[in-house]
């Protein structure tokens, strides 16, 4: 499953890659090169990040599901234990 980002996010990512190269490398890169690098990152490294995020969410959901019984549990046959008196 390819990882797609919005066109606005793509533009921001390309600008960020270009800035990174300008500030940290010997020569700047153009938008075509930065776009190609972004495409490579999304294809090659993106799935690792995506899968980690999915695993994190699954863990959180499993924690929440495990807590459901505590949050919504209702004691059965509790009429008499709640101190109610039998009415005649």
Protein backbone atom coordinates (compact mmCIF):
# COMPACT_ATOMS: atom_id res chain seq x y z
CA UNK A 1 0.00 0.00 0.00
CA UNK A 2 1.67 3.22 -1.08
CA UNK A 3 1.95 6.02 1.43
CA UNK A 4 0.49 9.20 -0.03
CA UNK A 5 0.63 12.62 1.52
CA UNK A 6 -1.34 15.70 0.57
CA UNK A 7 0.02 18.09 -2.04
CA UNK A 8 0.42 20.73 0.67
CA UNK A 9 2.44 18.31 2.83
CA UNK A 10 4.48 17.36 -0.24
CA UNK A 11 5.32 21.00 -0.94
CA UNK A 12 6.30 21.56 2.69
CA UNK A 13 8.40 18.39 2.75
CA UNK A 14 10.22 19.35 -0.45
CA UNK A 15 10.92 22.82 0.94
CA UNK A 16 12.20 21.25 4.17
CA UNK A 17 14.49 18.86 2.28
CA UNK A 18 15.83 21.74 0.22
CA UNK A 19 16.46 23.78 3.37
CA UNK A 20 18.20 20.82 5.00
CA UNK A 21 20.55 20.46 2.04
CA UNK A 22 21.21 24.19 1.93
CA UNK A 23 22.06 24.37 5.63
CA UNK A 24 23.82 21.01 6.11
CA UNK A 25 25.32 19.86 2.83
CA UNK A 26 27.92 21.28 0.47
CA UNK A 27 25.44 22.15 -2.25
CA UNK A 28 21.71 22.76 -2.40
CA UNK A 29 19.25 20.56 -4.27
CA UNK A 30 16.46 21.63 -6.58
CA UNK A 31 12.81 20.82 -6.13
CA UNK A 32 13.00 17.91 -8.60
CA UNK A 33 15.82 16.24 -6.67
CA UNK A 34 14.12 16.97 -3.32
CA UNK A 35 10.86 15.52 -4.68
CA UNK A 36 12.65 12.38 -5.81
CA UNK A 37 14.28 12.02 -2.41
CA UNK A 38 10.90 12.47 -0.72
CA UNK A 39 9.39 9.82 -2.98
CA UNK A 40 12.24 7.46 -2.08
CA UNK A 41 11.75 8.09 1.65
CA UNK A 42 7.99 7.54 1.43
CA UNK A 43 8.47 4.31 -0.52
CA UNK A 44 11.46 2.89 1.33
CA UNK A 45 11.23 4.20 4.90
CA UNK A 46 7.61 5.32 5.13
CA UNK A 47 6.23 1.79 5.67
CA UNK A 48 8.51 1.30 8.70
CA UNK A 49 7.12 4.45 10.34
CA UNK A 50 3.56 3.62 9.27
CA UNK A 51 3.75 0.06 10.62
CA UNK A 52 5.17 1.31 13.91
CA UNK A 53 2.32 3.80 14.22
CA UNK A 54 -0.23 1.07 13.50
CA UNK A 55 1.39 -1.19 16.13
CA UNK A 56 1.33 1.66 18.67
CA UNK A 57 -2.35 2.31 18.02
CA UNK A 58 -3.15 -1.41 18.28
CA UNK A 59 -1.39 -1.53 21.65
CA UNK A 60 -3.34 1.47 22.93
CA UNK A 61 -6.62 0.02 21.68
CA UNK A 62 -5.88 -3.32 23.33
CA UNK A 63 -5.20 -1.51 26.61
CA UNK A 64 -8.53 0.31 26.33
CA UNK A 65 -10.41 -2.88 25.45
CA UNK A 66 -8.85 -4.60 28.48
CA UNK A 67 -10.21 -1.78 30.67
CA UNK A 68 -13.77 -1.98 29.36
CA UNK A 69 -14.83 -4.63 31.85
CA UNK A 70 -13.71 -2.40 34.72
CA UNK A 71 -15.44 0.68 33.33
CA UNK A 72 -18.77 -0.87 32.41
CA UNK A 73 -19.00 -3.87 34.72
CA UNK A 74 -22.21 -4.14 36.70
CA UNK A 75 -22.57 -6.58 39.55
CA UNK A 76 -25.37 -9.08 39.01
CA UNK A 77 -27.89 -9.89 41.72
CA UNK A 78 -27.00 -6.79 43.69
CA UNK A 79 -30.51 -5.76 44.69
CA UNK A 80 -30.20 -7.14 48.21
CA UNK A 81 -26.60 -6.11 48.76
CA UNK A 82 -27.38 -2.45 48.09
CA UNK A 83 -29.29 -2.24 51.35
CA UNK A 84 -32.78 -2.14 49.91
CA UNK A 85 -35.57 -3.34 52.12
CA UNK A 86 -38.17 -5.69 50.78
CA UNK A 87 -41.48 -3.93 50.35
CA UNK A 88 -44.72 -5.67 51.30
